Amino acid sequence: MNTDERIAKMSFAKIYPLYLEKVVKKGRTKEELDQVIEWLTGYDSAKIQDLISKDVTFDEFFAGANLNANANLITGKVCGVQVETIENTLTRKVRYLDKLVDELAKGRKMEKIIRG
């Protein structure tokens, strides 16, 4: 199984707590994490929790998402790879989310994280 396939099959419910741990450890909140996810996907906090309870994969998570029109403004490296150069659409979306979580954890202002 290649990296793109592994990412598609990863459980959002298993990754969300890791995102939350990462941002809380750096003094941010669950509400801020959910705000970032909502900006990217259109999912509100209740829908995020519903998707967690259904243990959806990243493939399912992004299949139902309404990706923000400004998501293409997310640039930079995640795991040593320039996000904007990732060819697989789903992998790029997951890395967009990873990049936003990284920026939140690094203390970047919400206005800068929420592009546009």
C-alpha atoms as a PDB file:
ATOM      1  CA  MET A   1       0.000   0.000   0.000  1.00  0.00           C
ATOM      2  CA  ASN A   2       1.458   3.391  -0.945  1.00  0.00           C
ATOM      3  CA  THR A   3       1.389   6.537   1.195  1.00  0.00           C
ATOM      4  CA  ASP A   4      -1.686   8.004  -0.517  1.00  0.00           C
ATOM      5  CA  GLU A   5      -3.670   4.802   0.094  1.00  0.00           C
ATOM      6  CA  ARG A   6      -2.550   4.633   3.738  1.00  0.00           C
ATOM      7  CA  ILE A   7      -3.615   8.248   4.320  1.00  0.00           C
ATOM      8  CA  ALA A   8      -7.012   7.634   2.682  1.00  0.00           C
ATOM      9  CA  LYS A   9      -7.683   4.689   5.010  1.00  0.00           C
ATOM     10  CA  MET A  10      -6.526   6.426   8.215  1.00  0.00           C
ATOM     11  CA  SER A  11      -9.236   6.991  10.810  1.00  0.00           C
ATOM     12  CA  PHE A  12     -10.062  10.649  11.424  1.00  0.00           C
ATOM     13  CA  ALA A  13     -11.307   9.583  14.891  1.00  0.00           C
ATOM     14  CA  LYS A  14      -7.820   8.313  15.767  1.00  0.00           C
ATOM     15  CA  ILE A  15      -5.998  11.393  14.411  1.00  0.00           C
ATOM     16  CA  TYR A  16      -8.284  14.070  15.875  1.00  0.00           C
ATOM     17  CA  PRO A  17      -7.168  13.393  19.499  1.00  0.00           C
ATOM     18  CA  LEU A  18      -3.545  13.730  18.355  1.00  0.00           C
ATOM     19  CA  TYR A  19      -4.344  17.088  16.748  1.00  0.00           C
ATOM     20  CA  LEU A  20      -6.120  18.141  19.945  1.00  0.00           C
ATOM     21  CA  GLU A  21      -3.242  17.031  22.165  1.00  0.00           C
ATOM     22  CA  LYS A  22      -0.787  18.923  19.984  1.00  0.00           C
ATOM     23  CA  VAL A  23      -2.670  22.235  20.109  1.00  0.00           C
ATOM     24  CA  VAL A  24      -3.666  22.024  23.797  1.00  0.00           C
ATOM     25  CA  LYS A  25      -0.058  21.307  24.763  1.00  0.00           C
ATOM     26  CA  LYS A  26       0.813  24.630  23.112  1.00  0.00           C
ATOM     27  CA  GLY A  27      -1.921  26.589  24.914  1.00  0.00           C
ATOM     28  CA  ARG A  28      -4.623  26.502  22.250  1.00  0.00           C
ATOM     29  CA  THR A  29      -8.160  25.145  22.647  1.00  0.00           C
ATOM     30  CA  LYS A  30     -10.468  22.499  21.211  1.00  0.00           C
ATOM     31  CA  GLU A  31     -12.715  25.323  20.023  1.00  0.00           C
ATOM     32  CA  GLU A  32      -9.839  26.833  18.041  1.00  0.00           C
ATOM     33  CA  LEU A  33      -9.019  23.441  16.529  1.00  0.00           C
ATOM     34  CA  ASP A  34     -12.656  22.960  15.529  1.00  0.00           C
ATOM     35  CA  GLN A  35     -12.717  26.494  14.091  1.00  0.00           C
ATOM     36  CA  VAL A  36      -9.742  25.677  11.869  1.00  0.00           C
ATOM     37  CA  ILE A  37     -11.355  22.405  10.741  1.00  0.00           C
ATOM     38  CA  GLU A  38     -14.637  24.207  10.075  1.00  0.00           C
ATOM     39  CA  TRP A  39     -12.883  26.842   7.970  1.00  0.00           C
ATOM     40  CA  LEU A  40     -11.219  24.144   5.844  1.00  0.00           C
ATOM     41  CA  THR A  41     -14.101  21.657   5.550  1.00  0.00           C
ATOM     42  CA  GLY A  42     -17.341  23.444   6.392  1.00  0.00           C
ATOM     43  CA  TYR A  43     -17.994  20.984   9.261  1.00  0.00           C
ATOM     44  CA  ASP A  44     -19.164  22.565  12.522  1.00  0.00           C
ATOM     45  CA  SER A  45     -18.205  21.136  15.936  1.00  0.00           C
ATOM     46  CA  ALA A  46     -21.294  18.916  16.107  1.00  0.00           C
ATOM     47  CA  LYS A  47     -20.595  17.418  12.677  1.00  0.00           C
ATOM     48  CA  ILE A  48     -16.932  16.875  13.580  1.00  0.00           C
ATOM     49  CA  GLN A  49     -18.001  14.927  16.682  1.00  0.00           C
ATOM     50  CA  ASP A  50     -20.527  12.958  14.603  1.00  0.00           C
ATOM     51  CA  LEU A  51     -17.802  11.973  12.127  1.00  0.00           C
ATOM     52  CA  ILE A  52     -15.531  10.969  15.010  1.00  0.00           C
ATOM     53  CA  SER A  53     -18.262   8.784  16.498  1.00  0.00           C
ATOM     54  CA  LYS A  54     -18.769   7.122  13.089  1.00  0.00           C
ATOM     55  CA  ASP A  55     -15.002   6.462  12.865  1.00  0.00           C
ATOM     56  CA  VAL A  56     -14.778   7.732   9.276  1.00  0.00           C
ATOM     57  CA  THR A  57     -11.613   7.476   7.226  1.00  0.00           C
ATOM     58  CA  PHE A  58      -9.924  10.575   5.824  1.00  0.00           C
ATOM     59  CA  ASP A  59     -11.321   9.529   2.437  1.00  0.00           C
ATOM     60  CA  GLU A  60     -14.879   9.619   3.847  1.00  0.00           C
ATOM     61  CA  PHE A  61     -14.148  12.750   5.891  1.00  0.00           C
ATOM     62  CA  PHE A  62     -13.076  14.799   2.886  1.00  0.00           C
ATOM     63  CA  ALA A  63     -15.623  13.223   0.502  1.00  0.00           C
ATOM     64  CA  GLY A  64     -18.393  15.020   2.401  1.00  0.00           C
ATOM     65  CA  ALA A  65     -16.457  18.209   3.052  1.00  0.00           C
ATOM     66  CA  ASN A  66     -17.044  21.527   1.330  1.00  0.00           C
ATOM     67  CA  LEU A  67     -13.396  22.570   0.975  1.00  0.00           C
ATOM     68  CA  ASN A  68     -12.846  26.288   1.507  1.00  0.00           C
ATOM     69  CA  ALA A  69     -12.220  28.163  -1.742  1.00  0.00           C
ATOM     70  CA  ASN A  70      -9.073  29.680  -0.186  1.00  0.00           C
ATOM     71  CA  ALA A  71      -7.559  26.317   0.804  1.00  0.00           C
ATOM     72  CA  ASN A  72      -5.122  26.638  -2.095  1.00  0.00           C
ATOM     73  CA  LEU A  73      -3.542  29.550  -0.189  1.00  0.00           C
ATOM     74  CA  ILE A  74      -2.177  27.025   2.323  1.00  0.00           C
ATOM     75  CA  THR A  75       1.480  26.622   1.458  1.00  0.00           C
ATOM     76  CA  GLY A  76       4.619  25.388   3.142  1.00  0.00           C
ATOM     77  CA  LYS A  77       6.113  22.097   4.179  1.00  0.00           C
ATOM     78  CA  VAL A  78       4.493  19.233   6.065  1.00  0.00           C
ATOM     79  CA  CYS A  79       6.588  16.119   6.654  1.00  0.00           C
ATOM     80  CA  GLY A  80       9.276  17.660   4.459  1.00  0.00           C
ATOM     81  CA  VAL A  81       7.005  18.031   1.424  1.00  0.00           C
ATOM     82  CA  GLN A  82       5.686  21.276  -0.076  1.00  0.00           C
ATOM     83  CA  VAL A  83       1.908  21.021   0.415  1.00  0.00           C
ATOM     84  CA  GLU A  84       1.104  22.845  -2.807  1.00  0.00           C
ATOM     85  CA  THR A  85       3.092  20.324  -4.895  1.00  0.00           C
ATOM     86  CA  ILE A  86       1.263  17.200  -3.684  1.00  0.00           C
ATOM     87  CA  GLU A  87      -0.439  15.649  -6.701  1.00  0.00           C
ATOM     88  CA  ASN A  88      -2.929  13.336  -4.973  1.00  0.00           C
ATOM     89  CA  THR A  89      -5.968  15.480  -4.160  1.00  0.00           C
ATOM     90  CA  LEU A  90      -6.940  13.663  -0.951  1.00  0.00           C
ATOM     91  CA  THR A  91      -3.380  13.619   0.378  1.00  0.00           C
ATOM     92  CA  ARG A  92      -3.101  17.358  -0.342  1.00  0.00           C
ATOM     93  CA  LYS A  93      -6.339  18.013   1.609  1.00  0.00           C
ATOM     94  CA  VAL A  94      -5.090  15.985   4.592  1.00  0.00           C
ATOM     95  CA  ARG A  95      -1.790  17.874   4.500  1.00  0.00           C
ATOM     96  CA  TYR A  96      -3.718  21.172   4.344  1.00  0.00           C
ATOM     97  CA  LEU A  97      -5.346  20.127   7.613  1.00  0.00           C
ATOM     98  CA  ASP A  98      -1.991  19.069   9.075  1.00  0.00           C
ATOM     99  CA  LYS A  99      -0.483  22.436   8.116  1.00  0.00           C
ATOM    100  CA  LEU A 100      -3.341  24.369   9.734  1.00  0.00           C
ATOM    101  CA  VAL A 101      -2.995  22.341  12.932  1.00  0.00           C
ATOM    102  CA  ASP A 102       0.774  22.985  12.923  1.00  0.00           C
ATOM    103  CA  GLU A 103       0.200  26.721  12.534  1.00  0.00           C
ATOM    104  CA  LEU A 104      -2.337  26.716  15.370  1.00  0.00           C
ATOM    105  CA  ALA A 105       0.059  24.810  17.627  1.00  0.00           C
ATOM    106  CA  LYS A 106       2.886  27.211  16.777  1.00  0.00           C
ATOM    107  CA  GLY A 107       0.833  30.118  18.093  1.00  0.00           C
ATOM    108  CA  ARG A 108       0.019  31.752  14.781  1.00  0.00           C
ATOM    109  CA  LYS A 109      -2.867  34.214  14.994  1.00  0.00           C
ATOM    110  CA  MET A 110      -6.223  32.827  13.912  1.00  0.00           C
ATOM    111  CA  GLU A 111      -6.616  35.627  11.326  1.00  0.00           C
ATOM    112  CA  LYS A 112      -3.447  34.368   9.616  1.00  0.00           C
ATOM    113  CA  ILE A 113      -4.453  30.706   9.794  1.00  0.00           C
ATOM    114  CA  ILE A 114      -7.895  31.415   8.349  1.00  0.00           C
ATOM    115  CA  ARG A 115      -6.758  32.655   4.976  1.00  0.00           C
ATOM    116  CA  GLY A 116      -8.721  35.112   2.872  1.00  0.00           C
END
